[in-house]
Amino acid sequence: MENVIIIAVIATVIGLAGRYLYRAKKRGVKCIGCPSGCGGKCGCHCGKSDP
């Protein structure tokens, strides 16, 4: 019975994370990991490699 509960919790967490990523991409967020969505405010390069 404990295994079923653990699997349900893990599946819920993965499902919620997937839903968050899907909605963010649908909104057009370029860099989901950045707090500002890489709108130029965070200073990150969003996938561009540093020289």
C-alpha atoms as a PDB file:
ATOM      1  CA  MET A   1       0.000   0.000   0.000  1.00  0.00           C
ATOM      2  CA  GLU A   2       2.884   2.383   0.761  1.00  0.00           C
ATOM      3  CA  ASN A   3       4.275   1.846  -2.728  1.00  0.00           C
ATOM      4  CA  VAL A   4       1.007   2.991  -4.306  1.00  0.00           C
ATOM      5  CA  ILE A   5       1.017   6.193  -2.241  1.00  0.00           C
ATOM      6  CA  ILE A   6       4.638   6.946  -3.103  1.00  0.00           C
ATOM      7  CA  ILE A   7       4.001   6.363  -6.809  1.00  0.00           C
ATOM      8  CA  ALA A   8       0.922   8.607  -6.686  1.00  0.00           C
ATOM      9  CA  VAL A   9       2.875  11.429  -5.025  1.00  0.00           C
ATOM     10  CA  ILE A  10       5.723  11.172  -7.549  1.00  0.00           C
ATOM     11  CA  ALA A  11       3.285  11.080 -10.470  1.00  0.00           C
ATOM     12  CA  THR A  12       1.506  14.173  -9.116  1.00  0.00           C
ATOM     13  CA  VAL A  13       4.756  16.110  -8.772  1.00  0.00           C
ATOM     14  CA  ILE A  14       5.870  15.160 -12.296  1.00  0.00           C
ATOM     15  CA  GLY A  15       2.444  16.033 -13.683  1.00  0.00           C
ATOM     16  CA  LEU A  16       2.423  19.460 -12.038  1.00  0.00           C
ATOM     17  CA  ALA A  17       5.947  20.198 -13.277  1.00  0.00           C
ATOM     18  CA  GLY A  18       4.961  19.206 -16.796  1.00  0.00           C
ATOM     19  CA  ARG A  19       1.886  21.408 -16.648  1.00  0.00           C
ATOM     20  CA  TYR A  20       4.019  24.355 -15.485  1.00  0.00           C
ATOM     21  CA  LEU A  21       6.468  23.871 -18.361  1.00  0.00           C
ATOM     22  CA  TYR A  22       3.655  23.527 -20.908  1.00  0.00           C
ATOM     23  CA  ARG A  23       1.931  26.722 -19.751  1.00  0.00           C
ATOM     24  CA  ALA A  24       5.198  28.676 -19.665  1.00  0.00           C
ATOM     25  CA  LYS A  25       6.077  27.647 -23.216  1.00  0.00           C
ATOM     26  CA  LYS A  26       2.560  28.500 -24.353  1.00  0.00           C
ATOM     27  CA  ARG A  27       2.987  32.014 -22.886  1.00  0.00           C
ATOM     28  CA  GLY A  28       6.205  32.380 -24.873  1.00  0.00           C
ATOM     29  CA  VAL A  29       8.721  32.340 -22.033  1.00  0.00           C
ATOM     30  CA  LYS A  30      12.140  31.811 -23.604  1.00  0.00           C
ATOM     31  CA  CYS A  31      14.106  30.792 -20.521  1.00  0.00           C
ATOM     32  CA  ILE A  32      11.839  29.035 -18.051  1.00  0.00           C
ATOM     33  CA  GLY A  33      14.531  28.719 -15.374  1.00  0.00           C
ATOM     34  CA  CYS A  34      15.097  32.479 -15.149  1.00  0.00           C
ATOM     35  CA  PRO A  35      12.970  34.489 -12.732  1.00  0.00           C
ATOM     36  CA  SER A  36      12.489  37.250 -15.313  1.00  0.00           C
ATOM     37  CA  GLY A  37      12.041  34.921 -18.301  1.00  0.00           C
ATOM     38  CA  CYS A  38      15.256  36.380 -19.781  1.00  0.00           C
ATOM     39  CA  GLY A  39      13.688  39.673 -20.596  1.00  0.00           C
ATOM     40  CA  GLY A  40      17.138  41.247 -20.356  1.00  0.00           C
ATOM     41  CA  LYS A  41      16.855  41.914 -16.634  1.00  0.00           C
ATOM     42  CA  CYS A  42      18.608  38.857 -15.219  1.00  0.00           C
ATOM     43  CA  GLY A  43      21.860  39.049 -17.184  1.00  0.00           C
ATOM     44  CA  CYS A  44      21.753  35.450 -18.380  1.00  0.00           C
ATOM     45  CA  HIS A  45      22.395  34.492 -21.969  1.00  0.00           C
ATOM     46  CA  CYS A  46      19.536  31.991 -22.398  1.00  0.00           C
ATOM     47  CA  GLY A  47      21.330  29.170 -24.132  1.00  0.00           C
ATOM     48  CA  LYS A  48      24.069  31.254 -25.711  1.00  0.00           C
ATOM     49  CA  SER A  49      27.534  30.046 -24.790  1.00  0.00           C
ATOM     50  CA  ASP A  50      29.984  32.470 -23.198  1.00  0.00           C
ATOM     51  CA  PRO A  51      33.202  33.126 -25.155  1.00  0.00           C
END
